[in-house]
Amino acid sequence: KILEDSSFVKNYDRCFFFFLYNFEDKIKKYIPDLMVEYTTGIKEIIEVKPKRLLNYKSNPIKFTVLKNYCEDNKIKHSIWTEKEMGLI
């Protein structure tokens, strides 16, 4: 709803790619939630997570993988909790 109502959003979709990361000596897959393209041409990957789960075991590792990928590819990234979605 937030993205659909924004005049700055050109399009968005769920992410169809994944990152591999190591957690507890196992290779895991992490699929971010959304890829957004704004009318300015800027792209952003958005991960949606309840605030209470931000520091859940593997999440800080996943967020670091996402950050590094986005920095390397000049893509914005953000993590939306209830606050960013206007739920609190």
C-alpha atoms as a PDB file:
ATOM      1  CA  LYS A   1       0.000   0.000   0.000  1.00  0.00           C
ATOM      2  CA  ILE A   2       2.815   2.395   0.899  1.00  0.00           C
ATOM      3  CA  LEU A   3       4.630   1.738  -2.368  1.00  0.00           C
ATOM      4  CA  GLU A   4       1.477   1.747  -4.480  1.00  0.00           C
ATOM      5  CA  ASP A   5       0.390   5.106  -3.077  1.00  0.00           C
ATOM      6  CA  SER A   6       3.758   6.787  -3.630  1.00  0.00           C
ATOM      7  CA  SER A   7       4.109   8.993  -6.694  1.00  0.00           C
ATOM      8  CA  PHE A   8       7.883   8.418  -6.457  1.00  0.00           C
ATOM      9  CA  VAL A   9       7.679   4.662  -7.084  1.00  0.00           C
ATOM     10  CA  LYS A  10       7.925   3.596 -10.717  1.00  0.00           C
ATOM     11  CA  ASN A  11       7.553  -0.114  -9.958  1.00  0.00           C
ATOM     12  CA  TYR A  12       8.271  -2.760  -7.374  1.00  0.00           C
ATOM     13  CA  ASP A  13       8.234  -6.515  -7.080  1.00  0.00           C
ATOM     14  CA  ARG A  14       9.382  -9.208  -4.739  1.00  0.00           C
ATOM     15  CA  CYS A  15      13.019 -10.178  -5.115  1.00  0.00           C
ATOM     16  CA  PHE A  16      13.713 -13.163  -7.342  1.00  0.00           C
ATOM     17  CA  PHE A  17      17.383 -13.501  -6.419  1.00  0.00           C
ATOM     18  CA  PHE A  18      19.196 -14.714  -3.353  1.00  0.00           C
ATOM     19  CA  PHE A  19      22.431 -14.356  -1.459  1.00  0.00           C
ATOM     20  CA  LEU A  20      24.389 -17.187   0.077  1.00  0.00           C
ATOM     21  CA  TYR A  21      25.774 -16.709   3.560  1.00  0.00           C
ATOM     22  CA  ASN A  22      27.416 -18.853   6.204  1.00  0.00           C
ATOM     23  CA  PHE A  23      25.525 -19.380   9.443  1.00  0.00           C
ATOM     24  CA  GLU A  24      26.530 -21.881  12.099  1.00  0.00           C
ATOM     25  CA  ASP A  25      28.836 -23.648   9.627  1.00  0.00           C
ATOM     26  CA  LYS A  26      26.076 -24.092   7.061  1.00  0.00           C
ATOM     27  CA  ILE A  27      25.509 -22.305   3.768  1.00  0.00           C
ATOM     28  CA  LYS A  28      22.107 -20.627   3.807  1.00  0.00           C
ATOM     29  CA  LYS A  29      20.037 -18.696   1.253  1.00  0.00           C
ATOM     30  CA  TYR A  30      18.732 -15.230   1.938  1.00  0.00           C
ATOM     31  CA  ILE A  31      16.051 -13.762  -0.325  1.00  0.00           C
ATOM     32  CA  PRO A  32      15.347 -10.076   0.354  1.00  0.00           C
ATOM     33  CA  ASP A  33      11.709  -8.980   0.263  1.00  0.00           C
ATOM     34  CA  LEU A  34      11.323  -6.222  -2.327  1.00  0.00           C
ATOM     35  CA  MET A  35      13.116  -4.485  -5.189  1.00  0.00           C
ATOM     36  CA  VAL A  36      11.835  -0.968  -5.778  1.00  0.00           C
ATOM     37  CA  GLU A  37      12.601   1.332  -8.688  1.00  0.00           C
ATOM     38  CA  TYR A  38      11.848   4.989  -8.151  1.00  0.00           C
ATOM     39  CA  THR A  39      10.888   7.523 -10.819  1.00  0.00           C
ATOM     40  CA  THR A  40      14.393   8.994 -10.427  1.00  0.00           C
ATOM     41  CA  GLY A  41      15.910   5.707 -11.628  1.00  0.00           C
ATOM     42  CA  ILE A  42      17.273   4.846  -8.203  1.00  0.00           C
ATOM     43  CA  LYS A  43      16.787   1.230  -7.136  1.00  0.00           C
ATOM     44  CA  GLU A  44      16.352   0.040  -3.560  1.00  0.00           C
ATOM     45  CA  ILE A  45      16.132  -3.354  -1.917  1.00  0.00           C
ATOM     46  CA  ILE A  46      13.784  -3.342   1.063  1.00  0.00           C
ATOM     47  CA  GLU A  47      13.763  -5.988   3.751  1.00  0.00           C
ATOM     48  CA  VAL A  48      10.630  -6.041   5.939  1.00  0.00           C
ATOM     49  CA  LYS A  49      11.150  -7.348   9.460  1.00  0.00           C
ATOM     50  CA  PRO A  50       9.352  -6.953  12.785  1.00  0.00           C
ATOM     51  CA  LYS A  51      11.504  -4.858  15.104  1.00  0.00           C
ATOM     52  CA  ARG A  52      11.642  -7.673  17.651  1.00  0.00           C
ATOM     53  CA  LEU A  53      13.421  -9.896  15.080  1.00  0.00           C
ATOM     54  CA  LEU A  54      16.093  -7.440  13.912  1.00  0.00           C
ATOM     55  CA  ASN A  55      18.766  -9.030  16.089  1.00  0.00           C
ATOM     56  CA  TYR A  56      17.518 -12.598  15.751  1.00  0.00           C
ATOM     57  CA  LYS A  57      20.482 -14.952  15.305  1.00  0.00           C
ATOM     58  CA  SER A  58      21.086 -14.866  11.544  1.00  0.00           C
ATOM     59  CA  ASN A  59      19.564 -11.498  10.684  1.00  0.00           C
ATOM     60  CA  PRO A  60      22.627  -9.316  11.370  1.00  0.00           C
ATOM     61  CA  ILE A  61      24.641 -11.575   9.037  1.00  0.00           C
ATOM     62  CA  LYS A  62      21.991 -11.354   6.323  1.00  0.00           C
ATOM     63  CA  PHE A  63      21.806  -7.576   6.673  1.00  0.00           C
ATOM     64  CA  THR A  64      25.585  -7.301   6.282  1.00  0.00           C
ATOM     65  CA  VAL A  65      25.475  -9.419   3.105  1.00  0.00           C
ATOM     66  CA  LEU A  66      22.710  -7.182   1.758  1.00  0.00           C
ATOM     67  CA  LYS A  67      24.597  -3.997   2.665  1.00  0.00           C
ATOM     68  CA  ASN A  68      27.788  -5.178   0.970  1.00  0.00           C
ATOM     69  CA  TYR A  69      25.955  -6.214  -2.203  1.00  0.00           C
ATOM     70  CA  CYS A  70      24.103  -2.915  -2.413  1.00  0.00           C
ATOM     71  CA  GLU A  71      27.228  -0.847  -1.841  1.00  0.00           C
ATOM     72  CA  ASP A  72      29.085  -2.807  -4.542  1.00  0.00           C
ATOM     73  CA  ASN A  73      26.196  -2.332  -7.008  1.00  0.00           C
ATOM     74  CA  LYS A  74      25.177   1.232  -6.140  1.00  0.00           C
ATOM     75  CA  ILE A  75      21.726   0.185  -4.961  1.00  0.00           C
ATOM     76  CA  LYS A  76      20.043   1.640  -1.902  1.00  0.00           C
ATOM     77  CA  HIS A  77      18.905  -0.703   0.827  1.00  0.00           C
ATOM     78  CA  SER A  78      16.756  -0.379   3.887  1.00  0.00           C
ATOM     79  CA  ILE A  79      15.089  -2.436   6.551  1.00  0.00           C
ATOM     80  CA  TRP A  80      11.476  -1.565   7.250  1.00  0.00           C
ATOM     81  CA  THR A  81       9.963  -2.338  10.619  1.00  0.00           C
ATOM     82  CA  GLU A  82       6.580  -1.370  11.991  1.00  0.00           C
ATOM     83  CA  LYS A  83       7.898   2.178  12.398  1.00  0.00           C
ATOM     84  CA  GLU A  84       8.816   2.682   8.722  1.00  0.00           C
ATOM     85  CA  MET A  85       5.464   1.263   7.677  1.00  0.00           C
ATOM     86  CA  GLY A  86       3.591   3.669   9.967  1.00  0.00           C
ATOM     87  CA  LEU A  87       2.170   0.929  12.152  1.00  0.00           C
ATOM     88  CA  ILE A  88       3.438   2.387  15.432  1.00  0.00           C
END
